[in-house]
């Protein structure tokens, strides 16, 4: 029979904080996916060099889209204005910082998204009497990614 121990370590509870560089507004999300960059490689043949049939050349780097899930922006007038521009099909790019923090609020890792804008927002919970915005899914396109 397997023995049960009371001194098992609990799993750490991490969450993500989203900060706008242009405003003090911030939100928090439980899940983030798609933080990736890729540098495609093309192959080329150089003249009649028999030693190397082809050689590889790095192309321009590409970034994907990130998806943030199950979040809330607290007292976030700026996020609501950003959402309004999204609804009217006007692209307003923002520099965003994503911070991975533990249950004590200590920073574990951070990413900066350059020129980010929303491409998909779903599951919004908007109420007229509060400025807190609950978001089920927020998908962002961005033009650059740095890790700090």
N, C-alpha and C. Protein backbone atom coordinates (compact mmCIF):
# COMPACT_ATOMS: atom_id res chain seq x y z
N UNK A 1 0.83 -1.17 0.00
CA UNK A 1 0.00 0.00 0.00
C UNK A 1 0.88 1.25 0.00
N UNK A 2 0.52 2.22 -0.81
CA UNK A 2 1.32 3.43 -0.95
C UNK A 2 1.09 4.37 0.23
N UNK A 3 2.18 4.91 0.73
CA UNK A 3 2.10 5.81 1.88
C UNK A 3 1.88 7.25 1.41
N UNK A 4 0.98 7.96 2.05
CA UNK A 4 0.68 9.34 1.70
C UNK A 4 1.41 10.26 2.67
N UNK A 5 2.11 11.24 2.12
CA UNK A 5 2.86 12.18 2.94
C UNK A 5 2.14 13.52 2.96
N UNK A 6 2.14 14.14 4.13
CA UNK A 6 1.51 15.46 4.26
C UNK A 6 2.45 16.59 3.85
N UNK A 7 3.71 16.31 3.66
CA UNK A 7 4.66 17.36 3.37
C UNK A 7 4.98 17.47 1.87
N UNK A 8 4.01 17.17 1.03
CA UNK A 8 4.22 17.31 -0.41
C UNK A 8 4.28 18.79 -0.78
N UNK A 9 5.12 19.12 -1.72
CA UNK A 9 5.22 20.51 -2.17
C UNK A 9 4.02 20.83 -3.04
N UNK A 10 3.39 21.96 -2.80
CA UNK A 10 2.28 22.34 -3.67
C UNK A 10 2.81 22.83 -5.02
N UNK A 11 2.03 22.65 -6.04
CA UNK A 11 2.41 23.17 -7.34
C UNK A 11 2.38 24.69 -7.30
N UNK A 12 3.38 25.36 -7.86
CA UNK A 12 3.36 26.83 -7.85
C UNK A 12 2.24 27.36 -8.75
N UNK A 13 1.66 28.45 -8.34
CA UNK A 13 0.60 29.09 -9.10
C UNK A 13 1.17 30.33 -9.78
N UNK A 14 1.37 30.26 -11.08
CA UNK A 14 1.87 31.38 -11.84
C UNK A 14 0.73 32.06 -12.57
N UNK A 15 0.91 33.34 -12.87
CA UNK A 15 -0.03 34.06 -13.71
C UNK A 15 0.75 35.13 -14.46
N UNK A 16 0.12 35.73 -15.43
CA UNK A 16 0.76 36.70 -16.30
C UNK A 16 0.13 38.07 -16.09
N UNK A 17 0.98 39.09 -15.99
CA UNK A 17 0.53 40.48 -15.92
C UNK A 17 0.83 41.12 -17.27
N UNK A 18 -0.15 41.85 -17.81
CA UNK A 18 0.01 42.56 -19.08
C UNK A 18 0.03 44.05 -18.76
N UNK A 19 1.11 44.74 -19.19
CA UNK A 19 1.24 46.17 -18.95
C UNK A 19 1.38 46.90 -20.28
N UNK A 20 0.70 48.04 -20.38
CA UNK A 20 0.84 48.93 -21.53
C UNK A 20 1.99 49.89 -21.24
N UNK A 21 2.83 50.16 -22.23
CA UNK A 21 3.92 51.11 -21.99
C UNK A 21 3.41 52.55 -21.99
N UNK A 22 2.28 52.79 -22.63
CA UNK A 22 1.78 54.16 -22.75
C UNK A 22 0.83 54.57 -21.63
N UNK A 23 0.39 53.63 -20.81
CA UNK A 23 -0.55 53.92 -19.73
C UNK A 23 -0.25 53.04 -18.52
N UNK A 24 -0.87 53.39 -17.40
CA UNK A 24 -0.69 52.62 -16.18
C UNK A 24 -1.62 51.41 -16.11
N UNK A 25 -2.52 51.28 -17.07
CA UNK A 25 -3.47 50.17 -17.05
C UNK A 25 -2.73 48.84 -17.15
N UNK A 26 -3.27 47.84 -16.48
CA UNK A 26 -2.70 46.50 -16.60
C UNK A 26 -3.80 45.46 -16.38
N UNK A 27 -3.50 44.27 -16.86
CA UNK A 27 -4.42 43.16 -16.70
C UNK A 27 -3.66 41.93 -16.26
N UNK A 28 -4.39 40.90 -15.89
CA UNK A 28 -3.74 39.64 -15.54
C UNK A 28 -4.46 38.50 -16.24
N UNK A 29 -3.68 37.50 -16.65
CA UNK A 29 -4.20 36.35 -17.38
C UNK A 29 -3.64 35.08 -16.77
N UNK A 30 -4.41 34.01 -16.89
CA UNK A 30 -3.98 32.72 -16.35
C UNK A 30 -3.12 31.93 -17.32
N UNK A 31 -3.26 32.19 -18.61
CA UNK A 31 -2.56 31.37 -19.61
C UNK A 31 -2.12 32.22 -20.79
N UNK A 32 -0.92 31.97 -21.27
CA UNK A 32 -0.38 32.63 -22.47
C UNK A 32 0.25 31.56 -23.34
N UNK A 33 -0.04 31.59 -24.63
CA UNK A 33 0.60 30.66 -25.56
C UNK A 33 1.00 31.41 -26.82
N UNK A 34 1.98 30.88 -27.53
CA UNK A 34 2.41 31.46 -28.80
C UNK A 34 3.57 32.42 -28.71
N UNK A 35 4.26 32.47 -27.59
CA UNK A 35 5.44 33.34 -27.48
C UNK A 35 6.59 32.67 -28.21
N UNK A 36 6.73 33.01 -29.48
CA UNK A 36 7.74 32.34 -30.28
C UNK A 36 8.25 33.25 -31.39
N UNK A 37 9.48 33.02 -31.75
CA UNK A 37 10.06 33.65 -32.93
C UNK A 37 10.67 32.55 -33.78
N UNK A 38 10.74 32.81 -35.05
CA UNK A 38 11.29 31.81 -35.97
C UNK A 38 12.12 32.52 -37.03
N UNK A 39 13.26 31.96 -37.34
CA UNK A 39 14.08 32.47 -38.43
C UNK A 39 14.09 31.40 -39.51
N UNK A 40 13.32 31.61 -40.58
CA UNK A 40 13.31 30.63 -41.66
C UNK A 40 14.69 30.53 -42.33
N UNK A 41 14.96 29.39 -42.89
CA UNK A 41 16.23 29.14 -43.56
C UNK A 41 15.95 28.74 -45.00
N UNK A 42 16.66 29.40 -45.92
CA UNK A 42 16.54 29.00 -47.32
C UNK A 42 17.86 28.37 -47.76
N UNK A 43 17.77 27.50 -48.73
CA UNK A 43 18.96 26.84 -49.25
C UNK A 43 19.27 27.38 -50.63
N UNK A 44 20.56 27.54 -50.88
CA UNK A 44 20.99 28.09 -52.16
C UNK A 44 22.19 27.29 -52.65
N UNK A 45 22.33 27.24 -53.96
CA UNK A 45 23.46 26.53 -54.55
C UNK A 45 24.43 27.58 -55.06
N UNK A 46 25.70 27.39 -54.76
CA UNK A 46 26.71 28.37 -55.14
C UNK A 46 27.50 27.85 -56.33
N UNK A 47 27.33 28.50 -57.44
CA UNK A 47 28.05 28.21 -58.69
C UNK A 47 28.23 26.71 -58.92
N UNK A 48 29.45 26.29 -59.23
CA UNK A 48 29.72 24.88 -59.51
C UNK A 48 30.56 24.25 -58.40
N UNK A 49 30.40 24.72 -57.20
CA UNK A 49 31.17 24.21 -56.08
C UNK A 49 30.68 22.80 -55.72
N UNK A 50 31.48 21.80 -55.97
CA UNK A 50 31.09 20.41 -55.72
C UNK A 50 31.27 20.01 -54.26
N UNK A 51 32.09 20.76 -53.51
CA UNK A 51 32.32 20.41 -52.11
C UNK A 51 31.04 20.57 -51.30
N UNK A 52 30.30 21.62 -51.59
CA UNK A 52 29.04 21.86 -50.90
C UNK A 52 27.96 22.02 -51.95
N UNK A 53 27.03 21.12 -51.95
CA UNK A 53 25.95 21.19 -52.94
C UNK A 53 25.08 22.43 -52.70
N UNK A 54 24.73 22.65 -51.44
CA UNK A 54 23.92 23.82 -51.10
C UNK A 54 24.45 24.43 -49.81
N UNK A 55 24.12 25.68 -49.61
CA UNK A 55 24.41 26.29 -48.32
C UNK A 55 23.16 27.00 -47.83
N UNK A 56 23.07 27.17 -46.54
CA UNK A 56 21.87 27.71 -45.91
C UNK A 56 22.04 29.19 -45.60
N UNK A 57 20.95 29.92 -45.82
CA UNK A 57 20.94 31.36 -45.58
C UNK A 57 19.77 31.69 -44.66
N UNK A 58 20.03 32.43 -43.56
CA UNK A 58 18.91 32.83 -42.72
C UNK A 58 18.09 33.92 -43.41
N UNK A 59 16.79 33.81 -43.26
CA UNK A 59 15.89 34.81 -43.83
C UNK A 59 15.47 35.78 -42.73
N UNK A 60 14.54 36.64 -43.04
CA UNK A 60 14.04 37.60 -42.07
C UNK A 60 13.23 36.86 -41.01
N UNK A 61 13.49 37.19 -39.75
CA UNK A 61 12.79 36.54 -38.64
C UNK A 61 11.29 36.81 -38.66
N UNK A 62 10.54 35.87 -38.15
CA UNK A 62 9.09 35.98 -38.10
C UNK A 62 8.63 35.74 -36.66
N UNK A 63 7.57 36.43 -36.31
CA UNK A 63 6.94 36.20 -35.01
C UNK A 63 5.51 35.76 -35.26
N UNK A 64 4.97 35.02 -34.33
CA UNK A 64 3.61 34.53 -34.48
C UNK A 64 2.61 35.45 -33.81
N UNK A 65 1.53 34.87 -33.39
CA UNK A 65 0.52 35.57 -32.61
C UNK A 65 0.48 34.92 -31.23
N UNK A 66 0.22 35.72 -30.24
CA UNK A 66 0.08 35.14 -28.91
C UNK A 66 -1.38 35.14 -28.51
N UNK A 67 -1.72 34.19 -27.69
CA UNK A 67 -3.08 34.06 -27.19
C UNK A 67 -3.04 34.12 -25.67
N UNK A 68 -3.79 35.05 -25.11
CA UNK A 68 -3.93 35.18 -23.67
C UNK A 68 -5.32 34.70 -23.30
N UNK A 69 -5.41 33.87 -22.26
CA UNK A 69 -6.70 33.28 -21.89
C UNK A 69 -7.04 33.56 -20.43
N UNK A 70 -8.34 33.71 -20.20
CA UNK A 70 -8.92 33.89 -18.87
C UNK A 70 -8.24 35.02 -18.11
N UNK A 71 -8.59 36.24 -18.51
CA UNK A 71 -7.97 37.40 -17.89
C UNK A 71 -8.95 38.47 -17.48
N UNK A 72 -8.40 39.46 -16.82
CA UNK A 72 -9.21 40.61 -16.41
C UNK A 72 -8.32 41.85 -16.42
N UNK A 73 -8.89 42.94 -16.93
CA UNK A 73 -8.27 44.26 -16.85
C UNK A 73 -9.05 45.03 -15.80
N UNK A 74 -8.38 45.44 -14.73
CA UNK A 74 -9.05 46.11 -13.62
C UNK A 74 -8.98 47.62 -13.82
N UNK A 75 -10.13 48.26 -13.76
CA UNK A 75 -10.24 49.72 -13.92
C UNK A 75 -9.44 50.18 -15.12
N UNK A 76 -9.73 49.60 -16.25
CA UNK A 76 -8.90 49.79 -17.43
C UNK A 76 -9.62 50.57 -18.51
N UNK A 77 -9.61 51.87 -18.39
CA UNK A 77 -10.20 52.71 -19.43
C UNK A 77 -9.40 52.61 -20.72
N UNK A 78 -8.08 52.48 -20.61
CA UNK A 78 -7.26 52.41 -21.82
C UNK A 78 -7.56 51.14 -22.61
N UNK A 79 -7.71 50.02 -21.92
CA UNK A 79 -8.04 48.78 -22.64
C UNK A 79 -9.38 48.92 -23.35
N UNK A 80 -10.36 49.56 -22.72
CA UNK A 80 -11.67 49.76 -23.36
C UNK A 80 -11.55 50.63 -24.61
N UNK A 81 -10.71 51.68 -24.54
CA UNK A 81 -10.49 52.52 -25.73
C UNK A 81 -9.78 51.73 -26.82
N UNK A 82 -8.81 50.91 -26.43
CA UNK A 82 -8.10 50.06 -27.39
C UNK A 82 -9.06 49.09 -28.04
N UNK A 83 -9.96 48.54 -27.25
CA UNK A 83 -10.99 47.63 -27.77
C UNK A 83 -11.92 48.37 -28.74
N UNK A 84 -12.28 49.61 -28.42
CA UNK A 84 -13.13 50.38 -29.33
C UNK A 84 -12.47 50.60 -30.69
N UNK A 85 -11.15 50.86 -30.70
CA UNK A 85 -10.47 51.02 -31.99
C UNK A 85 -10.44 49.70 -32.75
N UNK A 86 -10.33 48.59 -32.03
CA UNK A 86 -10.37 47.26 -32.65
C UNK A 86 -11.71 47.03 -33.33
N UNK A 87 -12.80 47.43 -32.66
CA UNK A 87 -14.14 47.24 -33.23
C UNK A 87 -14.35 48.07 -34.49
N UNK A 88 -13.70 49.22 -34.58
CA UNK A 88 -13.86 50.09 -35.75
C UNK A 88 -12.81 49.81 -36.82
N UNK A 89 -12.05 48.74 -36.63
CA UNK A 89 -11.05 48.30 -37.61
C UNK A 89 -9.91 49.32 -37.78
N UNK A 90 -9.59 50.02 -36.71
CA UNK A 90 -8.44 50.93 -36.70
C UNK A 90 -7.36 50.24 -35.88
N UNK A 91 -6.18 50.13 -36.45
CA UNK A 91 -5.09 49.44 -35.76
C UNK A 91 -4.29 50.45 -34.94
N UNK A 92 -4.32 50.28 -33.64
CA UNK A 92 -3.53 51.11 -32.73
C UNK A 92 -2.49 50.21 -32.08
N UNK A 93 -1.25 50.35 -32.50
CA UNK A 93 -0.18 49.48 -31.99
C UNK A 93 0.28 49.96 -30.61
N UNK A 94 0.61 49.01 -29.77
CA UNK A 94 1.07 49.29 -28.41
C UNK A 94 2.30 48.45 -28.10
N UNK A 95 3.16 48.98 -27.26
CA UNK A 95 4.25 48.17 -26.71
C UNK A 95 3.72 47.59 -25.40
N UNK A 96 3.69 46.26 -25.33
CA UNK A 96 3.16 45.57 -24.16
C UNK A 96 4.26 44.77 -23.48
N UNK A 97 4.18 44.70 -22.18
CA UNK A 97 5.08 43.85 -21.41
C UNK A 97 4.26 42.75 -20.75
N UNK A 98 4.68 41.51 -20.95
CA UNK A 98 4.07 40.36 -20.28
C UNK A 98 5.03 39.92 -19.19
N UNK A 99 4.52 39.85 -17.97
CA UNK A 99 5.35 39.42 -16.85
C UNK A 99 4.78 38.13 -16.27
N UNK A 100 5.62 37.13 -16.18
CA UNK A 100 5.25 35.88 -15.51
C UNK A 100 5.61 36.04 -14.04
N UNK A 101 4.59 35.96 -13.16
CA UNK A 101 4.84 36.14 -11.73
C UNK A 101 4.31 34.92 -10.97
N UNK A 102 4.91 34.68 -9.82
CA UNK A 102 4.47 33.54 -9.00
C UNK A 102 3.38 33.99 -8.03
N UNK A 103 2.97 33.07 -7.16
CA UNK A 103 1.85 33.37 -6.25
C UNK A 103 2.18 34.47 -5.25
N UNK A 104 3.46 34.77 -5.05
CA UNK A 104 3.86 35.86 -4.15
C UNK A 104 3.98 37.19 -4.90
N UNK A 105 3.74 37.17 -6.21
CA UNK A 105 3.86 38.39 -7.00
C UNK A 105 5.28 38.68 -7.45
N UNK A 106 6.17 37.71 -7.30
CA UNK A 106 7.57 37.89 -7.69
C UNK A 106 7.74 37.60 -9.17
N UNK A 107 8.49 38.45 -9.83
CA UNK A 107 8.73 38.31 -11.27
C UNK A 107 9.61 37.10 -11.56
N UNK A 108 9.16 36.23 -12.46
CA UNK A 108 9.94 35.07 -12.86
C UNK A 108 10.57 35.30 -14.23
N UNK A 109 9.84 35.97 -15.12
CA UNK A 109 10.32 36.20 -16.49
C UNK A 109 9.45 37.27 -17.12
N UNK A 110 10.00 37.97 -18.12
CA UNK A 110 9.22 39.01 -18.79
C UNK A 110 9.53 39.02 -20.28
N UNK A 111 8.52 39.37 -21.06
CA UNK A 111 8.64 39.51 -22.50
C UNK A 111 8.08 40.88 -22.88
N UNK A 112 8.68 41.50 -23.88
CA UNK A 112 8.16 42.76 -24.42
C UNK A 112 7.71 42.52 -25.84
N UNK A 113 6.46 42.86 -26.12
CA UNK A 113 5.90 42.74 -27.46
C UNK A 113 5.92 44.11 -28.10
N UNK A 114 6.58 44.22 -29.23
CA UNK A 114 6.67 45.50 -29.93
C UNK A 114 5.54 45.63 -30.93
N UNK A 115 4.90 46.78 -30.92
CA UNK A 115 3.83 47.11 -31.87
C UNK A 115 2.75 46.03 -31.90
N UNK A 116 2.21 45.73 -30.75
CA UNK A 116 1.15 44.71 -30.64
C UNK A 116 -0.22 45.34 -30.85
N UNK A 117 -1.12 44.54 -31.40
CA UNK A 117 -2.51 44.98 -31.55
C UNK A 117 -3.41 43.75 -31.51
N UNK A 118 -4.67 43.94 -31.08
CA UNK A 118 -5.57 42.80 -30.97
C UNK A 118 -6.05 42.33 -32.33
N UNK A 119 -6.07 41.02 -32.52
CA UNK A 119 -6.64 40.44 -33.74
C UNK A 119 -7.91 39.66 -33.43
N UNK A 120 -8.10 39.31 -32.15
CA UNK A 120 -9.30 38.58 -31.76
C UNK A 120 -9.54 38.82 -30.27
N UNK A 121 -10.77 39.15 -29.96
CA UNK A 121 -11.19 39.30 -28.57
C UNK A 121 -12.50 38.56 -28.42
N UNK A 122 -12.58 37.64 -27.46
CA UNK A 122 -13.84 36.93 -27.27
C UNK A 122 -14.11 36.75 -25.78
N UNK A 123 -15.39 36.60 -25.50
CA UNK A 123 -15.81 36.37 -24.13
C UNK A 123 -15.70 37.58 -23.24
N UNK A 124 -15.90 38.78 -23.81
CA UNK A 124 -15.83 39.99 -23.00
C UNK A 124 -17.00 40.06 -22.04
N UNK A 125 -16.73 40.50 -20.84
CA UNK A 125 -17.78 40.74 -19.86
C UNK A 125 -17.71 42.21 -19.50
N UNK A 126 -18.57 43.01 -20.15
CA UNK A 126 -18.60 44.45 -19.94
C UNK A 126 -19.86 44.82 -19.17
N UNK A 127 -19.70 45.69 -18.17
CA UNK A 127 -20.86 46.19 -17.43
C UNK A 127 -20.77 47.70 -17.37
N UNK A 128 -21.91 48.36 -17.34
CA UNK A 128 -21.92 49.82 -17.40
C UNK A 128 -21.43 50.46 -16.10
N UNK A 129 -21.49 49.76 -14.98
CA UNK A 129 -21.19 50.38 -13.70
C UNK A 129 -19.76 50.16 -13.21
N UNK A 130 -18.98 49.38 -13.94
CA UNK A 130 -17.58 49.15 -13.54
C UNK A 130 -16.68 49.24 -14.77
N UNK A 131 -15.41 49.52 -14.51
CA UNK A 131 -14.46 49.57 -15.62
C UNK A 131 -13.59 48.32 -15.66
N UNK A 132 -13.92 47.31 -14.85
CA UNK A 132 -13.21 46.03 -14.93
C UNK A 132 -13.73 45.27 -16.14
N UNK A 133 -12.82 44.69 -16.89
CA UNK A 133 -13.18 43.97 -18.10
C UNK A 133 -12.65 42.55 -18.00
N UNK A 134 -13.55 41.57 -18.03
CA UNK A 134 -13.14 40.17 -18.06
C UNK A 134 -13.04 39.74 -19.52
N UNK A 135 -11.95 39.05 -19.85
CA UNK A 135 -11.68 38.62 -21.22
C UNK A 135 -11.41 37.12 -21.20
N UNK A 136 -12.12 36.37 -22.03
CA UNK A 136 -11.87 34.94 -22.12
C UNK A 136 -10.64 34.68 -22.98
N UNK A 137 -10.61 35.27 -24.19
CA UNK A 137 -9.48 35.09 -25.11
C UNK A 137 -9.11 36.43 -25.72
N UNK A 138 -7.83 36.77 -25.67
CA UNK A 138 -7.29 37.95 -26.33
C UNK A 138 -6.13 37.48 -27.18
N UNK A 139 -6.27 37.61 -28.50
CA UNK A 139 -5.20 37.22 -29.42
C UNK A 139 -4.54 38.48 -29.94
N UNK A 140 -3.21 38.50 -29.93
CA UNK A 140 -2.44 39.66 -30.34
C UNK A 140 -1.46 39.32 -31.45
N UNK A 141 -1.39 40.20 -32.44
CA UNK A 141 -0.30 40.16 -33.41
C UNK A 141 0.75 41.15 -32.92
N UNK A 142 1.99 40.92 -33.27
CA UNK A 142 3.05 41.83 -32.85
C UNK A 142 4.19 41.76 -33.85
N UNK A 143 5.07 42.76 -33.81
CA UNK A 143 6.13 42.86 -34.80
C UNK A 143 7.51 42.51 -34.26
N UNK A 144 7.64 42.37 -32.98
CA UNK A 144 8.93 42.02 -32.40
C UNK A 144 8.76 41.52 -30.99
N UNK A 145 9.71 40.70 -30.54
CA UNK A 145 9.63 40.09 -29.22
C UNK A 145 11.02 40.11 -28.58
N UNK A 146 11.09 40.64 -27.37
CA UNK A 146 12.33 40.58 -26.61
C UNK A 146 12.04 39.90 -25.27
N UNK A 147 13.03 39.20 -24.76
CA UNK A 147 12.90 38.49 -23.48
C UNK A 147 13.83 39.17 -22.49
N UNK A 148 13.31 39.40 -21.28
CA UNK A 148 14.15 40.01 -20.25
C UNK A 148 13.98 39.30 -18.93
